[in-house]
Amino acid sequence: MVDDLLLSRARTLWVRLAGAPVAFGSPAGVVVSPASMLCPPGWAGVVSLAGAAIATAPDDAAALALAGPLSWRDPAALGGALSPAAPRTCAC
């Protein structure tokens, strides 16, 4: 019961930081939110908790890449889809 409450509170916090209406899901809920506080400006932010995730993108093209069929478990593929000219990943 405590774990459920903690998970709910953590998800609520991350949704607020997303800066746009989004819900945790599987597959992830993806929104365009240039002002998202999940990540630095211009980056895509992804938060996964207990098998469900949310993602914010700085623009429509990045949101389409995040919502596409690529594997979220492959950071290099995700980085390449978001920035084909200069893929960058962060194992933060």
N, C-alpha and C. Protein backbone atom coordinates (compact mmCIF):
# COMPACT_ATOMS: atom_id res chain seq x y z
N MET A 1 0.82 -1.18 0.00
CA MET A 1 0.00 0.00 0.00
C MET A 1 0.88 1.26 0.00
N VAL A 2 1.92 1.29 0.81
CA VAL A 2 2.82 2.43 0.84
C VAL A 2 3.50 2.58 -0.52
N ASP A 3 3.89 1.46 -1.14
CA ASP A 3 4.53 1.52 -2.45
C ASP A 3 3.60 2.13 -3.49
N ASP A 4 2.31 1.79 -3.45
CA ASP A 4 1.34 2.35 -4.39
C ASP A 4 1.21 3.86 -4.20
N LEU A 5 1.18 4.29 -2.97
CA LEU A 5 1.07 5.72 -2.67
C LEU A 5 2.32 6.46 -3.14
N LEU A 6 3.48 5.90 -2.88
CA LEU A 6 4.72 6.51 -3.31
C LEU A 6 4.79 6.60 -4.83
N LEU A 7 4.43 5.53 -5.52
CA LEU A 7 4.43 5.51 -6.98
C LEU A 7 3.47 6.57 -7.52
N SER A 8 2.30 6.65 -6.96
CA SER A 8 1.32 7.64 -7.39
C SER A 8 1.85 9.06 -7.21
N ARG A 9 2.47 9.33 -6.08
CA ARG A 9 3.01 10.67 -5.82
C ARG A 9 4.17 10.98 -6.76
N ALA A 10 5.02 10.00 -7.02
CA ALA A 10 6.15 10.21 -7.93
C ALA A 10 5.65 10.50 -9.34
N ARG A 11 4.65 9.74 -9.80
CA ARG A 11 4.10 9.98 -11.14
C ARG A 11 3.47 11.37 -11.22
N THR A 12 2.75 11.77 -10.19
CA THR A 12 2.13 13.09 -10.17
C THR A 12 3.19 14.19 -10.30
N LEU A 13 4.29 14.04 -9.59
CA LEU A 13 5.37 15.01 -9.67
C LEU A 13 5.94 15.10 -11.09
N TRP A 14 6.24 13.95 -11.69
CA TRP A 14 6.82 13.95 -13.03
C TRP A 14 5.85 14.50 -14.07
N VAL A 15 4.57 14.22 -13.93
CA VAL A 15 3.58 14.77 -14.86
C VAL A 15 3.55 16.29 -14.77
N ARG A 16 3.63 16.83 -13.56
CA ARG A 16 3.68 18.29 -13.39
C ARG A 16 4.92 18.87 -14.06
N LEU A 17 6.05 18.21 -13.90
CA LEU A 17 7.29 18.69 -14.50
C LEU A 17 7.28 18.61 -16.03
N ALA A 18 6.42 17.75 -16.59
CA ALA A 18 6.33 17.62 -18.04
C ALA A 18 5.87 18.91 -18.69
N GLY A 19 5.07 19.70 -18.00
CA GLY A 19 4.65 20.98 -18.54
C GLY A 19 3.54 20.92 -19.57
N ALA A 20 2.95 19.76 -19.76
CA ALA A 20 1.83 19.58 -20.69
C ALA A 20 1.04 18.36 -20.22
N PRO A 21 -0.25 18.31 -20.54
CA PRO A 21 -1.04 17.14 -20.12
C PRO A 21 -0.51 15.84 -20.73
N VAL A 22 -0.17 14.90 -19.88
CA VAL A 22 0.36 13.61 -20.31
C VAL A 22 0.05 12.60 -19.20
N ALA A 23 -0.06 11.33 -19.59
CA ALA A 23 -0.33 10.28 -18.61
C ALA A 23 0.67 9.15 -18.79
N PHE A 24 1.08 8.55 -17.68
CA PHE A 24 1.96 7.40 -17.73
C PHE A 24 1.23 6.24 -18.39
N GLY A 25 1.92 5.55 -19.27
CA GLY A 25 1.32 4.41 -19.94
C GLY A 25 2.38 3.51 -20.53
N SER A 26 1.92 2.44 -21.14
CA SER A 26 2.78 1.52 -21.86
C SER A 26 2.05 1.12 -23.13
N PRO A 27 2.40 1.66 -24.28
CA PRO A 27 3.56 2.50 -24.53
C PRO A 27 3.43 3.86 -23.85
N ALA A 28 4.53 4.56 -23.84
CA ALA A 28 4.61 5.84 -23.13
C ALA A 28 3.68 6.88 -23.71
N GLY A 29 3.18 7.74 -22.82
CA GLY A 29 2.48 8.93 -23.27
C GLY A 29 3.52 9.94 -23.74
N VAL A 30 3.35 10.48 -24.95
CA VAL A 30 4.31 11.40 -25.54
C VAL A 30 3.61 12.72 -25.83
N VAL A 31 4.21 13.84 -25.41
CA VAL A 31 3.66 15.17 -25.69
C VAL A 31 4.76 16.11 -26.15
N VAL A 32 4.35 17.13 -26.90
CA VAL A 32 5.27 18.21 -27.25
C VAL A 32 5.21 19.22 -26.12
N SER A 33 6.36 19.49 -25.53
CA SER A 33 6.44 20.43 -24.41
C SER A 33 7.83 21.07 -24.37
N PRO A 34 8.02 22.15 -25.16
CA PRO A 34 9.34 22.79 -25.18
C PRO A 34 9.79 23.30 -23.81
N ALA A 35 8.84 23.57 -22.92
CA ALA A 35 9.17 24.08 -21.59
C ALA A 35 9.26 22.97 -20.53
N SER A 36 9.28 21.72 -20.97
CA SER A 36 9.35 20.60 -20.03
C SER A 36 10.54 20.73 -19.10
N MET A 37 10.32 20.36 -17.87
CA MET A 37 11.41 20.35 -16.89
C MET A 37 11.92 18.92 -16.64
N LEU A 38 11.60 17.99 -17.54
CA LEU A 38 12.14 16.64 -17.44
C LEU A 38 13.57 16.58 -17.93
N CYS A 39 13.98 17.60 -18.71
CA CYS A 39 15.27 17.56 -19.37
C CYS A 39 15.70 18.98 -19.74
N PRO A 40 16.94 19.15 -20.20
CA PRO A 40 17.38 20.47 -20.64
C PRO A 40 16.57 20.95 -21.86
N PRO A 41 16.49 22.28 -22.08
CA PRO A 41 15.77 22.80 -23.25
C PRO A 41 16.31 22.20 -24.55
N GLY A 42 15.40 21.84 -25.44
CA GLY A 42 15.78 21.27 -26.72
C GLY A 42 15.99 19.77 -26.71
N TRP A 43 15.92 19.13 -25.57
CA TRP A 43 16.12 17.70 -25.45
C TRP A 43 14.77 17.00 -25.31
N ALA A 44 14.78 15.70 -25.53
CA ALA A 44 13.61 14.87 -25.24
C ALA A 44 13.81 14.31 -23.83
N GLY A 45 12.74 14.30 -23.05
CA GLY A 45 12.80 13.77 -21.69
C GLY A 45 11.92 12.54 -21.55
N VAL A 46 12.45 11.51 -20.92
CA VAL A 46 11.71 10.26 -20.73
C VAL A 46 11.82 9.85 -19.27
N VAL A 47 10.67 9.52 -18.67
CA VAL A 47 10.65 9.02 -17.29
C VAL A 47 9.84 7.73 -17.30
N SER A 48 10.42 6.67 -16.77
CA SER A 48 9.76 5.37 -16.69
C SER A 48 9.70 4.93 -15.23
N LEU A 49 8.50 4.61 -14.77
CA LEU A 49 8.30 4.14 -13.40
C LEU A 49 7.38 2.92 -13.41
N ALA A 50 7.85 1.83 -12.87
CA ALA A 50 7.05 0.61 -12.72
C ALA A 50 6.41 0.17 -14.02
N GLY A 51 7.15 0.21 -15.11
CA GLY A 51 6.67 -0.32 -16.38
C GLY A 51 5.81 0.63 -17.20
N ALA A 52 5.63 1.86 -16.75
CA ALA A 52 4.87 2.85 -17.51
C ALA A 52 5.75 4.09 -17.65
N ALA A 53 5.54 4.85 -18.73
CA ALA A 53 6.43 5.97 -18.99
C ALA A 53 5.69 7.17 -19.55
N ILE A 54 6.37 8.33 -19.43
CA ILE A 54 5.95 9.53 -20.13
C ILE A 54 7.16 10.06 -20.87
N ALA A 55 6.93 10.84 -21.92
CA ALA A 55 8.02 11.44 -22.67
C ALA A 55 7.59 12.82 -23.14
N THR A 56 8.53 13.76 -23.08
CA THR A 56 8.29 15.09 -23.62
C THR A 56 9.28 15.33 -24.74
N ALA A 57 8.82 16.06 -25.75
CA ALA A 57 9.65 16.37 -26.90
C ALA A 57 9.64 17.88 -27.13
N PRO A 58 10.74 18.42 -27.65
CA PRO A 58 10.79 19.85 -27.87
C PRO A 58 9.98 20.33 -29.08
N ASP A 59 9.66 19.39 -29.99
CA ASP A 59 8.92 19.77 -31.20
C ASP A 59 8.17 18.56 -31.75
N ASP A 60 7.35 18.82 -32.78
CA ASP A 60 6.53 17.75 -33.37
C ASP A 60 7.37 16.61 -33.95
N ALA A 61 8.48 16.94 -34.61
CA ALA A 61 9.31 15.89 -35.22
C ALA A 61 9.87 14.95 -34.16
N ALA A 62 10.33 15.51 -33.06
CA ALA A 62 10.87 14.67 -31.98
C ALA A 62 9.76 13.83 -31.35
N ALA A 63 8.57 14.41 -31.21
CA ALA A 63 7.45 13.66 -30.64
C ALA A 63 7.09 12.47 -31.53
N LEU A 64 7.11 12.68 -32.84
CA LEU A 64 6.83 11.57 -33.76
C LEU A 64 7.87 10.47 -33.63
N ALA A 65 9.14 10.86 -33.48
CA ALA A 65 10.20 9.86 -33.32
C ALA A 65 10.01 9.08 -32.02
N LEU A 66 9.64 9.77 -30.95
CA LEU A 66 9.43 9.09 -29.66
C LEU A 66 8.22 8.17 -29.70
N ALA A 67 7.20 8.56 -30.43
CA ALA A 67 5.98 7.76 -30.48
C ALA A 67 6.06 6.64 -31.51
N GLY A 68 7.12 6.64 -32.31
CA GLY A 68 7.28 5.65 -33.37
C GLY A 68 7.61 4.26 -32.85
N PRO A 69 7.85 3.34 -33.76
CA PRO A 69 8.05 1.94 -33.40
C PRO A 69 9.46 1.58 -32.93
N LEU A 70 10.35 2.56 -32.76
CA LEU A 70 11.72 2.20 -32.37
C LEU A 70 11.77 1.71 -30.93
N SER A 71 12.84 1.00 -30.63
CA SER A 71 12.98 0.43 -29.30
C SER A 71 13.49 1.46 -28.30
N TRP A 72 12.75 1.67 -27.23
CA TRP A 72 13.17 2.60 -26.19
C TRP A 72 14.32 2.03 -25.38
N ARG A 73 14.58 0.77 -25.51
CA ARG A 73 15.65 0.14 -24.74
C ARG A 73 17.00 0.28 -25.44
N ASP A 74 17.02 0.93 -26.60
CA ASP A 74 18.25 1.13 -27.35
C ASP A 74 18.53 2.63 -27.45
N PRO A 75 19.29 3.19 -26.49
CA PRO A 75 19.54 4.63 -26.48
C PRO A 75 20.16 5.16 -27.77
N ALA A 76 21.03 4.39 -28.41
CA ALA A 76 21.67 4.84 -29.65
C ALA A 76 20.63 4.99 -30.76
N ALA A 77 19.70 4.04 -30.86
CA ALA A 77 18.66 4.14 -31.89
C ALA A 77 17.73 5.31 -31.60
N LEU A 78 17.39 5.50 -30.35
CA LEU A 78 16.54 6.62 -29.97
C LEU A 78 17.23 7.94 -30.27
N GLY A 79 18.51 8.06 -29.92
CA GLY A 79 19.26 9.28 -30.22
C GLY A 79 19.35 9.55 -31.70
N GLY A 80 19.56 8.50 -32.49
CA GLY A 80 19.62 8.66 -33.93
C GLY A 80 18.30 9.10 -34.53
N ALA A 81 17.20 8.59 -33.99
CA ALA A 81 15.88 8.97 -34.49
C ALA A 81 15.56 10.41 -34.15
N LEU A 82 16.05 10.88 -33.03
CA LEU A 82 15.77 12.25 -32.62
C LEU A 82 16.68 13.27 -33.28
N SER A 83 17.89 12.90 -33.62
CA SER A 83 18.85 13.82 -34.22
C SER A 83 19.75 13.06 -35.19
N PRO A 84 19.24 12.74 -36.40
CA PRO A 84 20.02 11.92 -37.33
C PRO A 84 21.38 12.50 -37.69
N ALA A 85 21.52 13.83 -37.70
CA ALA A 85 22.80 14.43 -38.09
C ALA A 85 23.86 14.25 -37.01
N ALA A 86 23.45 14.28 -35.77
CA ALA A 86 24.42 14.17 -34.67
C ALA A 86 23.79 13.47 -33.48
N PRO A 87 23.67 12.13 -33.57
CA PRO A 87 23.03 11.40 -32.46
C PRO A 87 23.77 11.61 -31.15
N ARG A 88 23.01 11.89 -30.09
CA ARG A 88 23.58 12.03 -28.75
C ARG A 88 22.71 11.25 -27.79
N THR A 89 23.35 10.59 -26.87
CA THR A 89 22.58 9.89 -25.83
C THR A 89 23.16 10.27 -24.48
N CYS A 90 22.35 10.12 -23.48
CA CYS A 90 22.78 10.41 -22.12
C CYS A 90 22.31 9.28 -21.24
N ALA A 91 23.23 8.57 -20.63
CA ALA A 91 22.86 7.50 -19.70
C ALA A 91 22.84 8.08 -18.30
N CYS A 92 21.93 9.00 -18.09
CA CYS A 92 21.83 9.71 -16.81
C CYS A 92 21.07 8.89 -15.79
